[in-house]
């Protein structure tokens, strides 16, 4: 989650660069070829890393598979980690663009960020994006270097978001932690939403999907809102939420990349979960601890 845009770079052993994914005018043949090459590198990298392990594929092997030089690779990505995390990074680059133009409307900052992220999610209209995001996430869970790269990218994205909020709304007073905390909470809500969304593809898509619908309903109840409210903010109907439960037959236990090609999780499911997670934030801040009975959780 690129054409042109402002760039923010974090100095580190594995540099992380934010480049805005701007909506470009009709592109030249050269630009279209560059985009096709970029996509081929992402798709091939995720397929190979999933099948053979992140450390089991060298950069030379990846470039040979796509039939490009390493010089071409480094014109687009900084490392194997960078190409493996491209789906996630493309979304957050689009989020930064949406944050530049989203209508504030006097809303809480977290809600404004949620709407910017939903708009960015809507822009991920390539039907293969959800599949790539899930493969990337699964790889990151077992690849420490991807986790480190993700933390660097997250911090760079956060700083860029704070700059935008300061420039647009003057939310950058020295010592005021609230803008930073609002952005951090939005990122945390997204991570929680992705975790539940990704679980749908666990051993049995259908069974996890049914549980996922119940999970959204539970989050909405605890947050004090209805499932219909969550669905409305996400821009889908109740049928869109319940649609996850329609997949009741577990798929054969094929290679993960193959299974996701057959039945990838949807952006709609992720949007609903994101809205439910953001709606739960106030309740999470109000949680208190206390003595609990043996059969009850120690929170109230």
Protein backbone atom coordinates (compact mmCIF):
# COMPACT_ATOMS: atom_id res chain seq x y z
CA UNK A 1 0.00 0.00 0.00
CA UNK A 2 4.01 4.14 -7.12
CA UNK A 3 4.01 7.00 -9.08
CA UNK A 4 5.19 10.34 -7.65
CA UNK A 5 4.82 12.09 -4.32
CA UNK A 6 6.58 13.44 -1.26
CA UNK A 7 9.13 11.07 0.20
CA UNK A 8 9.99 10.45 3.85
CA UNK A 9 12.98 8.23 4.60
CA UNK A 10 14.07 6.73 7.91
CA UNK A 11 17.79 6.30 8.34
CA UNK A 12 18.38 2.68 9.28
CA UNK A 13 20.15 -0.43 8.03
CA UNK A 14 17.03 -1.29 6.04
CA UNK A 15 15.77 2.04 4.72
CA UNK A 16 12.02 2.56 4.63
CA UNK A 17 10.72 5.05 2.11
CA UNK A 18 7.22 6.46 1.92
CA UNK A 19 6.17 7.41 -1.58
CA UNK A 20 2.63 8.63 -2.12
CA UNK A 21 0.53 6.59 -4.51
CA UNK A 22 -0.87 9.51 -6.46
CA UNK A 23 -3.61 9.27 -9.01
CA UNK A 24 -1.75 9.82 -12.25
CA UNK A 25 -2.99 11.01 -15.64
CA UNK A 26 -3.08 8.54 -18.53
CA UNK A 27 0.36 6.97 -18.41
CA UNK A 28 2.92 6.34 -21.07
CA UNK A 29 3.86 2.90 -22.32
CA UNK A 30 7.00 3.13 -20.20
CA UNK A 31 5.03 3.85 -17.02
CA UNK A 32 2.61 1.01 -17.68
CA UNK A 33 5.54 -1.35 -18.18
CA UNK A 34 7.09 -0.20 -14.89
CA UNK A 35 3.82 -0.86 -13.06
CA UNK A 36 3.53 -4.32 -14.62
CA UNK A 37 7.11 -5.11 -13.59
CA UNK A 38 6.46 -3.89 -10.06
CA UNK A 39 3.35 -6.05 -9.78
CA UNK A 40 5.16 -9.07 -11.20
CA UNK A 41 7.91 -8.65 -8.59
CA UNK A 42 5.36 -8.47 -5.75
CA UNK A 43 3.31 -11.44 -6.95
CA UNK A 44 6.32 -13.62 -7.66
CA UNK A 45 8.06 -12.71 -4.41
CA UNK A 46 5.00 -13.56 -2.31
CA UNK A 47 4.46 -16.84 -4.16
CA UNK A 48 8.09 -17.92 -3.77
CA UNK A 49 8.45 -16.74 -0.16
CA UNK A 50 5.24 -18.53 0.81
CA UNK A 51 6.26 -21.74 -0.87
CA UNK A 52 9.94 -21.87 0.05
CA UNK A 53 10.26 -19.54 3.01
CA UNK A 54 11.55 -15.98 3.08
CA UNK A 55 15.13 -17.07 3.62
CA UNK A 56 14.84 -19.81 1.02
CA UNK A 57 14.69 -17.38 -1.90
CA UNK A 58 17.59 -15.17 -2.88
CA UNK A 59 17.21 -11.84 -4.58
CA UNK A 60 19.02 -13.25 -7.60
CA UNK A 61 16.47 -16.08 -7.83
CA UNK A 62 13.55 -13.66 -7.57
CA UNK A 63 14.94 -11.42 -10.31
CA UNK A 64 15.65 -14.40 -12.52
CA UNK A 65 12.09 -15.67 -12.10
CA UNK A 66 10.66 -12.27 -13.16
CA UNK A 67 13.38 -11.84 -15.81
CA UNK A 68 14.60 -8.47 -14.56
CA UNK A 69 18.00 -7.29 -13.37
CA UNK A 70 18.83 -6.49 -9.76
CA UNK A 71 19.31 -2.91 -10.89
CA UNK A 72 15.68 -2.87 -12.04
CA UNK A 73 14.60 -4.37 -8.73
CA UNK A 74 16.36 -1.67 -6.71
CA UNK A 75 14.74 1.07 -8.78
CA UNK A 76 11.45 -0.02 -7.22
CA UNK A 77 12.19 -1.69 -3.88
CA UNK A 78 14.88 -1.34 -1.25
CA UNK A 79 15.02 -4.97 -0.12
CA UNK A 80 13.29 -8.36 -0.04
CA UNK A 81 11.37 -7.10 3.00
CA UNK A 82 10.20 -4.06 1.07
CA UNK A 83 8.74 -6.08 -1.81
CA UNK A 84 7.18 -8.62 0.58
CA UNK A 85 5.35 -5.88 2.49
CA UNK A 86 4.26 -3.87 -0.55
CA UNK A 87 0.50 -4.66 -0.23
CA UNK A 88 0.33 -3.27 3.32
CA UNK A 89 2.53 -0.31 2.47
CA UNK A 90 0.47 0.59 -0.60
CA UNK A 91 -2.64 0.87 1.59
CA UNK A 92 -1.00 3.21 4.08
CA UNK A 93 0.48 5.38 1.33
CA UNK A 94 -3.01 5.77 -0.05
CA UNK A 95 -4.20 6.57 3.49
CA UNK A 96 -1.76 9.48 3.69
CA UNK A 97 -3.14 10.84 0.43
CA UNK A 98 -6.70 10.55 1.68
CA UNK A 99 -5.74 12.26 4.93
CA UNK A 100 -4.66 15.27 2.87
CA UNK A 101 -8.19 15.80 1.52
CA UNK A 102 -10.69 14.10 3.86
CA UNK A 103 -13.42 16.45 5.10
CA UNK A 104 -12.97 17.04 8.85
CA UNK A 105 -16.64 17.82 9.50
CA UNK A 106 -15.99 18.48 13.19
CA UNK A 107 -15.53 14.77 13.85
CA UNK A 108 -13.21 13.13 16.39
CA UNK A 109 -9.75 12.64 14.97
CA UNK A 110 -9.95 8.84 15.16
CA UNK A 111 -13.17 8.87 13.12
CA UNK A 112 -11.56 11.13 10.53
CA UNK A 113 -8.63 8.73 10.30
CA UNK A 114 -11.00 5.77 10.01
CA UNK A 115 -12.77 7.38 7.06
CA UNK A 116 -9.45 8.19 5.36
CA UNK A 117 -8.38 4.56 5.84
CA UNK A 118 -11.71 3.25 4.50
CA UNK A 119 -11.28 5.48 1.43
CA UNK A 120 -7.76 4.14 0.96
CA UNK A 121 -9.06 0.58 1.31
CA UNK A 122 -11.63 1.29 -1.41
CA UNK A 123 -8.78 2.29 -3.72
CA UNK A 124 -7.21 -1.15 -3.36
CA UNK A 125 -9.55 -2.31 -6.14
CA UNK A 126 -7.26 -4.90 -7.68
CA UNK A 127 -9.00 -8.19 -6.92
CA UNK A 128 -5.64 -9.74 -6.04
CA UNK A 129 -4.75 -7.16 -3.39
CA UNK A 130 -6.47 -8.92 -0.49
CA UNK A 131 -4.74 -12.17 -1.38
CA UNK A 132 -1.35 -10.44 -1.51
CA UNK A 133 -2.01 -8.66 1.81
CA UNK A 134 -2.81 -11.91 3.56
CA UNK A 135 0.24 -13.71 2.15
CA UNK A 136 2.39 -10.77 3.25
CA UNK A 137 0.91 -10.79 6.74
CA UNK A 138 1.44 -14.53 7.14
CA UNK A 139 5.05 -14.17 6.05
CA UNK A 140 5.65 -11.31 8.49
CA UNK A 141 4.41 -13.47 11.38
CA UNK A 142 7.36 -15.83 10.95
CA UNK A 143 10.00 -13.50 9.50
CA UNK A 144 11.69 -11.23 12.09
CA UNK A 145 13.32 -8.99 9.48
CA UNK A 146 9.88 -8.22 7.99
CA UNK A 147 8.63 -7.32 11.45
CA UNK A 148 11.49 -4.88 11.91
CA UNK A 149 10.90 -3.39 8.47
CA UNK A 150 7.20 -3.03 9.30
CA UNK A 151 7.95 -1.15 12.52
CA UNK A 152 10.16 1.31 10.65
CA UNK A 153 7.51 1.84 7.99
CA UNK A 154 4.82 2.27 10.64
CA UNK A 155 6.83 4.97 12.42
CA UNK A 156 7.53 6.77 9.16
CA UNK A 157 3.84 6.64 8.26
CA UNK A 158 2.85 7.92 11.70
CA UNK A 159 5.22 10.87 11.46
CA UNK A 160 3.92 11.75 8.00
CA UNK A 161 0.32 11.56 9.25
CA UNK A 162 1.17 13.86 12.16
CA UNK A 163 2.74 16.36 9.77
CA UNK A 164 -0.43 16.37 7.68
CA UNK A 165 -2.65 16.84 10.75
CA UNK A 166 -0.46 19.71 11.96
CA UNK A 167 -0.44 21.40 8.57
CA UNK A 168 -4.18 21.01 7.94
CA UNK A 169 -5.63 21.44 11.43
CA UNK A 170 -2.88 22.87 13.62
CA UNK A 171 -2.77 19.71 15.74
CA UNK A 172 0.92 19.85 16.54
CA UNK A 173 1.35 21.81 19.77
CA UNK A 174 4.57 20.92 21.62
CA UNK A 175 3.89 18.36 24.32
CA UNK A 176 0.39 17.50 23.09
CA UNK A 177 0.31 13.71 22.85
CA UNK A 178 -3.28 13.46 21.69
CA UNK A 179 -2.67 13.48 17.89
CA UNK A 180 0.01 10.82 18.23
CA UNK A 181 -2.21 8.68 20.44
CA UNK A 182 -5.13 9.03 18.01
CA UNK A 183 -2.99 7.83 15.10
CA UNK A 184 -1.58 5.00 17.22
CA UNK A 185 -5.11 3.90 18.18
CA UNK A 186 -6.19 3.90 14.54
CA UNK A 187 -3.21 1.71 13.63
CA UNK A 188 -3.99 -0.61 16.55
CA UNK A 189 -7.62 -0.88 15.44
CA UNK A 190 -6.51 -1.76 11.93
CA UNK A 191 -4.15 -4.44 13.22
CA UNK A 192 -6.94 -5.94 15.28
CA UNK A 193 -9.28 -5.87 12.28
CA UNK A 194 -6.70 -7.56 10.05
CA UNK A 195 -6.05 -10.25 12.66
CA UNK A 196 -9.72 -11.26 12.72
CA UNK A 197 -10.02 -10.94 8.95
CA UNK A 198 -6.98 -13.11 8.37
CA UNK A 199 -8.35 -15.76 10.72
CA UNK A 200 -11.14 -16.39 8.21
CA UNK A 201 -8.67 -18.21 6.03
CA UNK A 202 -7.32 -20.36 8.87
CA UNK A 203 -7.90 -24.14 8.58
CA UNK A 204 -11.52 -23.78 7.43
CA UNK A 205 -12.69 -20.59 5.77
CA UNK A 206 -16.37 -21.31 6.30
CA UNK A 207 -16.18 -22.05 10.01
CA UNK A 208 -13.92 -19.06 10.70
CA UNK A 209 -16.22 -16.87 8.65
CA UNK A 210 -19.23 -17.78 10.80
CA UNK A 211 -17.20 -17.05 13.93
CA UNK A 212 -16.04 -13.80 12.36
CA UNK A 213 -19.60 -12.51 11.95
CA UNK A 214 -20.29 -13.30 15.58
CA UNK A 215 -17.06 -11.51 16.49
CA UNK A 216 -18.13 -8.33 14.70
CA UNK A 217 -21.51 -8.48 16.45
CA UNK A 218 -19.79 -8.90 19.84
CA UNK A 219 -17.47 -5.95 19.23
CA UNK A 220 -20.38 -3.78 18.15
CA UNK A 221 -22.37 -4.77 21.28
CA UNK A 222 -19.48 -3.99 23.65
CA UNK A 223 -18.88 -0.67 21.88
CA UNK A 224 -22.52 0.27 22.40
CA UNK A 225 -23.42 0.38 18.72
CA UNK A 226 -25.40 -1.90 16.47
CA UNK A 227 -24.06 -4.17 13.75
CA UNK A 228 -26.12 -2.06 11.34
CA UNK A 229 -24.21 1.04 12.49
CA UNK A 230 -20.88 -0.67 11.87
CA UNK A 231 -22.03 -1.84 8.44
CA UNK A 232 -23.30 1.63 7.59
CA UNK A 233 -19.99 3.34 8.35
CA UNK A 234 -18.19 0.69 6.32
CA UNK A 235 -20.45 1.42 3.37
CA UNK A 236 -21.97 -2.07 3.20
CA UNK A 237 -25.32 -3.55 4.11
CA UNK A 238 -26.07 -6.16 6.73
CA UNK A 239 -26.01 -8.70 3.93
CA UNK A 240 -22.37 -7.78 3.43
CA UNK A 241 -21.59 -8.64 7.05
CA UNK A 242 -23.59 -11.84 6.99
CA UNK A 243 -22.12 -12.80 3.62
CA UNK A 244 -19.03 -14.13 5.33
CA UNK A 245 -21.13 -16.85 6.92
CA UNK A 246 -22.28 -18.14 3.56
CA UNK A 247 -18.96 -19.94 3.12
CA UNK A 248 -19.80 -23.00 5.18
CA UNK A 249 -17.80 -25.64 3.34
CA UNK A 250 -14.12 -25.65 4.35
CA UNK A 251 -11.78 -25.65 1.37
CA UNK A 252 -9.34 -28.50 0.84
CA UNK A 253 -6.08 -28.03 2.69
CA UNK A 254 -4.12 -26.88 -0.31
CA UNK A 255 -1.07 -24.70 -0.48
CA UNK A 256 -2.03 -21.35 1.10
CA UNK A 257 -1.30 -19.34 -2.04
CA UNK A 258 -3.49 -21.68 -4.11
CA UNK A 259 -6.36 -21.57 -1.61
CA UNK A 260 -6.33 -17.78 -1.52
CA UNK A 261 -6.43 -17.65 -5.30
CA UNK A 262 -9.60 -19.74 -5.26
CA UNK A 263 -11.34 -17.89 -2.43
CA UNK A 264 -9.57 -14.71 -1.31
CA UNK A 265 -10.95 -12.77 1.68
CA UNK A 266 -12.80 -9.60 0.69
CA UNK A 267 -12.11 -5.91 1.23
CA UNK A 268 -15.71 -5.59 2.40
CA UNK A 269 -15.08 -7.98 5.29
CA UNK A 270 -11.99 -6.01 6.28
CA UNK A 271 -13.85 -2.66 6.12
CA UNK A 272 -16.58 -3.98 8.43
CA UNK A 273 -14.02 -5.27 10.91
CA UNK A 274 -12.10 -1.98 10.85
CA UNK A 275 -15.26 -0.03 11.70
CA UNK A 276 -16.08 -2.44 14.53
CA UNK A 277 -12.55 -2.14 15.92
CA UNK A 278 -12.62 1.68 15.86
CA UNK A 279 -16.07 1.65 17.49
CA UNK A 280 -14.61 -0.48 20.30
CA UNK A 281 -11.79 1.96 21.11
CA UNK A 282 -13.70 4.07 23.69
CA UNK A 283 -14.80 0.95 25.49
CA UNK A 284 -11.25 -0.38 25.54
CA UNK A 285 -10.07 2.80 27.27
CA UNK A 286 -12.79 2.42 29.89
CA UNK A 287 -11.90 -1.17 30.80
CA UNK A 288 -11.05 -1.62 34.47
CA UNK A 289 -9.50 -4.49 36.34
CA UNK A 290 -10.76 -5.96 39.55
CA UNK A 291 -11.36 -9.19 41.44
CA UNK A 292 -13.29 -11.69 39.40
CA UNK A 293 -15.12 -14.90 40.11
CA UNK A 294 -13.52 -18.13 38.93
CA UNK A 295 -15.76 -18.24 35.86
CA UNK A 296 -15.56 -14.54 34.96
CA UNK A 297 -12.80 -12.43 33.32
CA UNK A 298 -10.98 -10.02 35.62
CA UNK A 299 -12.25 -6.91 33.81
CA UNK A 300 -15.38 -4.81 34.00
